[in-house]
Amino acid sequence: MELEFIKLSPLGNTTVFLRGDVGTREHAALLCEAMDYDHLAAEQAGFLVAPHTEEALLRIEMAGGEFCGNATLSAAALAASEGAESPFFVECSGAPEPLRAEARPLGAGRWLARAEMPQAHELRRLSLDGLSFGGAAICVSLRGIAHLVVEAADLSAADYDEMLARLMCETDADAYGVVPFERMGRDHFRIRPYVAVPCAGSRVFERACGSGSLALALALGDAAEGTRIAVEQPGGTLFVECGERFFLEGEVLLSCRGMVELAGVAR
């Protein structure tokens, strides 16, 4: 099966969008295959489908049906590259309403994108007692994805997997993330996000995570001194604007586009 693809890189969090007339039941298998090393070697993938509302230009359905902040930034960059005049609206799975977005060119295929984030979320404390890394963390549940936010540094791979297992046991979601953070200065934080999408069989130390950055801002609440925080991560820095509404901002590289041959068989 031959499908159109667009590969983007929001701070190294390589994101593939597929386009084509394909039934929704085939999406997960096709996206999983598209992400693998032999095909498009991406950290995450979604299908571009017709939007549910008239005001939105496009809609992304992620592999696990989760919300994805960086995919939303990527959609903003893609829409602008295809001629959309900012601001405009895009949709993403896991977000109940269209999200206001904009992007401006930086040159050489790079865009500075900014997008509204969903407001619906739930916060609760989650005990890490019994794990090698003890204490407590904040579970931030967005629609379709739950993040475990904990102040910590220098965690081992085993620590990440233990916390992910606890999160998956305590919370029902389509995707899960572990977001340890360090305080680097006033309104400046550092994270190393780890994200799992069970239906796609993926567990990835992401170069950057938009929903994880949003989860950090929500978990911090009043502890964030200003209305705009910088969230440093392996691929660069994302910015979260906090207030009546939340916005995510970061650079996106529109890497390449073309056609990819996929079998579309669940594995």
Protein backbone atom coordinates (compact mmCIF):
# COMPACT_ATOMS: atom_id res chain seq x y z
CA MET A 1 0.00 0.00 0.00
CA GLU A 2 1.47 3.35 -1.06
CA LEU A 3 0.69 6.38 1.12
CA GLU A 4 1.79 10.00 1.16
CA PHE A 5 3.97 10.96 4.12
CA ILE A 6 5.31 14.18 5.62
CA LYS A 7 8.13 13.96 8.15
CA LEU A 8 8.64 16.82 10.60
CA SER A 9 10.98 17.34 13.51
CA PRO A 10 9.81 19.49 16.43
CA LEU A 11 13.10 19.74 18.37
CA GLY A 12 14.16 16.28 17.23
CA ASN A 13 10.89 14.58 18.26
CA THR A 14 10.59 13.13 14.75
CA THR A 15 6.94 13.02 13.72
CA VAL A 16 5.45 11.36 10.64
CA PHE A 17 2.05 12.22 9.21
CA LEU A 18 0.39 9.85 6.73
CA ARG A 19 -2.28 10.79 4.20
CA GLY A 20 -4.48 8.39 2.27
CA ASP A 21 -7.89 6.78 1.93
CA VAL A 22 -7.51 4.15 4.65
CA GLY A 23 -10.02 2.72 7.13
CA THR A 24 -9.51 3.76 10.75
CA ARG A 25 -9.03 0.12 11.79
CA GLU A 26 -5.85 0.01 9.71
CA HIS A 27 -4.36 3.21 11.13
CA ALA A 28 -2.50 1.72 14.12
CA ALA A 29 -0.71 -0.99 12.10
CA LEU A 30 0.24 1.43 9.32
CA LEU A 31 1.52 4.07 11.73
CA CYS A 32 3.54 1.51 13.68
CA GLU A 33 5.14 0.28 10.46
CA ALA A 34 5.80 3.81 9.20
CA MET A 35 7.68 4.66 12.42
CA ASP A 36 10.08 1.74 12.25
CA TYR A 37 13.75 1.95 11.28
CA ASP A 38 13.28 0.31 7.87
CA HIS A 39 10.73 2.90 6.82
CA LEU A 40 10.63 6.46 8.19
CA ALA A 41 12.45 6.08 11.55
CA ALA A 42 10.25 8.35 13.65
CA GLU A 43 9.44 8.66 17.35
CA GLN A 44 5.71 9.10 16.72
CA ALA A 45 3.17 9.12 13.92
CA GLY A 46 -0.37 10.17 13.10
CA PHE A 47 -2.86 10.20 10.25
CA LEU A 48 -4.03 13.42 8.62
CA VAL A 49 -7.80 13.12 8.26
CA ALA A 50 -10.77 15.39 7.58
CA PRO A 51 -11.45 17.72 10.54
CA HIS A 52 -14.57 17.25 12.64
CA THR A 53 -15.39 20.98 12.61
CA GLU A 54 -15.70 23.52 9.81
CA GLU A 55 -13.31 26.01 11.42
CA ALA A 56 -10.32 23.61 11.52
CA LEU A 57 -7.98 23.19 8.55
CA LEU A 58 -6.85 19.65 9.36
CA ARG A 59 -7.00 16.92 11.99
CA ILE A 60 -4.34 14.54 13.31
CA GLU A 61 -5.25 11.11 14.66
CA MET A 62 -2.28 9.81 16.64
CA ALA A 63 -1.33 6.11 16.75
CA GLY A 64 -2.87 5.59 20.19
CA GLY A 65 -5.66 8.16 19.87
CA GLU A 66 -3.77 10.33 22.37
CA PHE A 67 -3.24 14.08 22.42
CA CYS A 68 0.22 15.17 21.27
CA GLY A 69 1.53 18.69 21.76
CA ASN A 70 4.44 18.36 19.33
CA ALA A 71 2.18 16.85 16.67
CA THR A 72 -0.06 19.91 17.08
CA LEU A 73 2.96 22.21 16.60
CA SER A 74 3.93 20.12 13.57
CA ALA A 75 0.41 20.47 12.16
CA ALA A 76 0.67 24.24 12.59
CA ALA A 77 3.99 24.31 10.69
CA LEU A 78 2.58 22.05 7.96
CA ALA A 79 -0.58 24.15 7.52
CA ALA A 80 1.48 27.34 7.28
CA SER A 81 3.87 25.73 4.78
CA GLU A 82 0.87 24.83 2.61
CA GLY A 83 -0.35 28.43 2.52
CA ALA A 84 -2.56 28.86 5.59
CA GLU A 85 -2.59 32.40 6.98
CA SER A 86 -2.00 32.61 10.74
CA PRO A 87 -3.82 32.30 13.01
CA PHE A 88 -5.91 29.25 12.14
CA PHE A 89 -7.34 26.17 13.86
CA VAL A 90 -6.19 22.55 13.85
CA GLU A 91 -7.53 19.45 15.57
CA CYS A 92 -5.71 16.63 17.34
CA SER A 93 -6.97 13.37 18.80
CA GLY A 94 -7.46 13.71 22.56
CA ALA A 95 -8.37 17.40 22.29
CA PRO A 96 -12.14 17.96 22.50
CA GLU A 97 -12.07 21.28 20.60
CA PRO A 98 -10.15 22.86 17.71
CA LEU A 99 -6.91 24.48 18.83
CA ARG A 100 -5.80 27.95 17.74
CA ALA A 101 -2.40 27.81 16.06
CA GLU A 102 0.07 29.89 14.09
CA ALA A 103 3.52 29.53 12.52
CA ARG A 104 6.05 31.77 10.87
CA PRO A 105 9.00 30.76 8.68
CA LEU A 106 12.55 30.87 10.06
CA GLY A 107 14.22 29.74 6.83
CA ALA A 108 15.71 26.46 5.56
CA GLY A 109 12.47 24.54 6.18
CA ARG A 110 12.22 25.66 9.80
CA TRP A 111 9.13 27.21 11.39
CA LEU A 112 8.40 28.79 14.76
CA ALA A 113 5.05 27.29 15.71
CA ARG A 114 2.69 28.18 18.53
CA ALA A 115 -0.48 26.30 19.42
CA GLU A 116 -3.15 26.30 22.07
CA MET A 117 -3.21 23.25 24.36
CA PRO A 118 -6.35 21.47 25.64
CA GLN A 119 -7.77 22.73 28.94
CA ALA A 120 -9.30 19.48 30.21
CA HIS A 121 -7.02 17.74 32.67
CA GLU A 122 -6.95 16.00 36.04
CA LEU A 123 -4.23 16.21 38.70
CA ARG A 124 -3.64 13.76 41.53
CA ARG A 125 -0.77 12.65 43.73
CA LEU A 126 0.61 9.18 43.12
CA SER A 127 2.80 7.37 45.65
CA LEU A 128 6.07 5.85 44.49
CA ASP A 129 6.56 3.92 47.73
CA GLY A 130 8.03 0.49 47.13
CA LEU A 131 10.00 1.59 44.07
CA SER A 132 13.77 2.05 43.99
CA PHE A 133 12.99 5.76 43.55
CA GLY A 134 10.60 6.50 46.42
CA GLY A 135 8.48 9.49 47.34
CA ALA A 136 5.53 10.96 45.52
CA ALA A 137 4.73 12.32 42.08
CA ILE A 138 1.93 14.18 40.33
CA CYS A 139 -0.14 12.30 37.77
CA VAL A 140 -1.40 14.68 35.08
CA SER A 141 -4.13 13.12 32.95
CA LEU A 142 -4.94 14.74 29.62
CA ARG A 143 -7.41 13.14 27.23
CA GLY A 144 -5.74 9.98 25.95
CA ILE A 145 -2.38 10.44 27.71
CA ALA A 146 -1.28 10.42 31.35
CA HIS A 147 2.07 11.80 32.53
CA LEU A 148 3.86 11.12 35.80
CA VAL A 149 5.69 14.32 36.80
CA VAL A 150 8.40 13.98 39.47
CA GLU A 151 11.26 16.20 40.60
CA ALA A 152 14.32 14.02 40.05
CA ALA A 153 17.64 13.82 38.22
CA ASP A 154 19.99 11.06 37.06
CA LEU A 155 17.38 8.31 36.98
CA SER A 156 18.33 4.91 35.64
CA ALA A 157 16.45 3.15 32.83
CA ALA A 158 15.10 0.76 35.48
CA ASP A 159 13.72 3.74 37.46
CA TYR A 160 11.85 4.96 34.37
CA ASP A 161 10.36 1.53 33.70
CA GLU A 162 9.32 1.08 37.33
CA MET A 163 7.55 4.44 37.37
CA LEU A 164 5.94 3.74 34.00
CA ALA A 165 4.64 0.39 35.31
CA ARG A 166 3.19 2.11 38.40
CA LEU A 167 1.53 4.77 36.23
CA MET A 168 0.05 2.16 33.88
CA CYS A 169 -1.26 0.19 36.85
CA GLU A 170 -2.88 3.24 38.49
CA THR A 171 -4.23 5.03 35.39
CA ASP A 172 -6.15 4.02 32.28
CA ALA A 173 -4.97 5.89 29.17
CA ASP A 174 -4.03 5.34 25.53
CA ALA A 175 -0.48 6.59 26.11
CA TYR A 176 1.74 7.18 29.13
CA GLY A 177 4.72 9.38 29.93
CA VAL A 178 7.29 9.71 32.71
CA VAL A 179 8.51 13.30 33.09
CA PRO A 180 11.30 13.80 35.66
CA PHE A 181 12.30 17.44 35.99
CA GLU A 182 15.05 19.60 37.43
CA ARG A 183 14.85 23.29 38.35
CA MET A 184 17.48 25.19 36.37
CA GLY A 185 16.53 28.74 37.34
CA ARG A 186 13.59 31.09 37.50
CA ASP A 187 10.92 29.68 35.17
CA HIS A 188 13.54 27.37 33.60
CA PHE A 189 13.24 23.59 33.93
CA ARG A 190 14.86 20.53 32.38
CA ILE A 191 13.10 17.24 31.56
CA ARG A 192 14.01 13.91 29.99
CA PRO A 193 10.66 12.49 28.81
CA TYR A 194 9.90 8.79 28.36
CA VAL A 195 6.70 7.93 26.47
CA ALA A 196 4.92 4.62 25.85
CA VAL A 197 2.08 3.96 23.40
CA PRO A 198 0.96 0.36 24.12
CA CYS A 199 -1.09 -0.15 20.94
CA ALA A 200 1.93 0.81 18.82
CA GLY A 201 4.30 -1.25 20.99
CA SER A 202 6.55 1.79 21.47
CA ARG A 203 8.60 3.04 24.41
CA VAL A 204 10.79 6.02 23.55
CA PHE A 205 13.08 8.46 25.34
CA GLU A 206 11.76 11.36 23.31
CA ARG A 207 14.00 14.19 22.18
CA ALA A 208 11.17 16.54 23.11
CA CYS A 209 7.64 16.09 24.43
CA GLY A 210 4.97 18.77 24.08
CA SER A 211 2.28 17.15 26.23
CA GLY A 212 4.96 16.33 28.82
CA SER A 213 5.99 20.00 28.89
CA LEU A 214 2.34 20.98 29.35
CA ALA A 215 1.99 18.36 32.12
CA LEU A 216 4.98 19.89 33.92
CA ALA A 217 3.40 23.37 33.77
CA LEU A 218 0.10 22.00 35.10
CA ALA A 219 1.83 20.05 37.89
CA LEU A 220 3.84 23.10 38.95
CA GLY A 221 0.77 25.32 39.14
CA ASP A 222 1.57 28.35 41.30
CA ALA A 223 5.13 27.04 41.81
CA ALA A 224 5.94 28.40 38.35
CA GLU A 225 6.84 32.00 39.15
CA GLY A 226 5.95 33.51 35.78
CA THR A 227 3.37 33.01 33.06
CA ARG A 228 5.88 31.57 30.58
CA ILE A 229 8.24 28.72 31.42
CA ALA A 230 11.15 27.32 29.43
CA VAL A 231 11.28 23.52 29.35
CA GLU A 232 14.71 22.33 28.25
CA GLN A 233 14.90 18.77 26.89
CA PRO A 234 17.41 16.72 24.87
CA GLY A 235 16.31 18.20 21.52
CA GLY A 236 16.06 21.83 22.61
CA THR A 237 13.68 24.09 24.52
CA LEU A 238 9.90 24.30 24.36
CA PHE A 239 8.01 27.18 25.94
CA VAL A 240 4.70 26.87 27.77
CA GLU A 241 2.55 29.95 28.33
CA CYS A 242 0.41 29.55 31.43
CA GLY A 243 -2.76 31.43 32.20
CA GLU A 244 -6.45 31.28 31.41
CA ARG A 245 -5.38 29.21 28.41
CA PHE A 246 -2.15 27.31 27.79
CA PHE A 247 0.02 27.63 24.69
CA LEU A 248 3.05 25.65 23.51
CA GLU A 249 5.77 27.20 21.34
CA GLY A 250 8.81 25.70 19.63
CA GLU A 251 10.75 25.26 16.41
CA VAL A 252 9.67 22.67 13.84
CA LEU A 253 11.71 21.42 10.88
CA LEU A 254 9.73 20.27 7.86
CA SER A 255 12.19 17.52 6.94
CA CYS A 256 10.88 15.68 3.89
CA ARG A 257 7.79 14.39 2.13
CA GLY A 258 7.00 11.75 -0.44
CA MET A 259 5.46 8.29 -0.77
CA VAL A 260 6.06 5.28 1.47
CA GLU A 261 5.24 1.63 0.76
CA LEU A 262 3.58 -0.10 3.72
CA ALA A 263 2.15 -3.57 4.18
CA GLY A 264 -0.44 -2.49 6.72
CA VAL A 265 -0.51 -5.87 8.46
CA ALA A 266 -0.76 -5.85 12.26
CA ARG A 267 2.26 -7.46 13.92
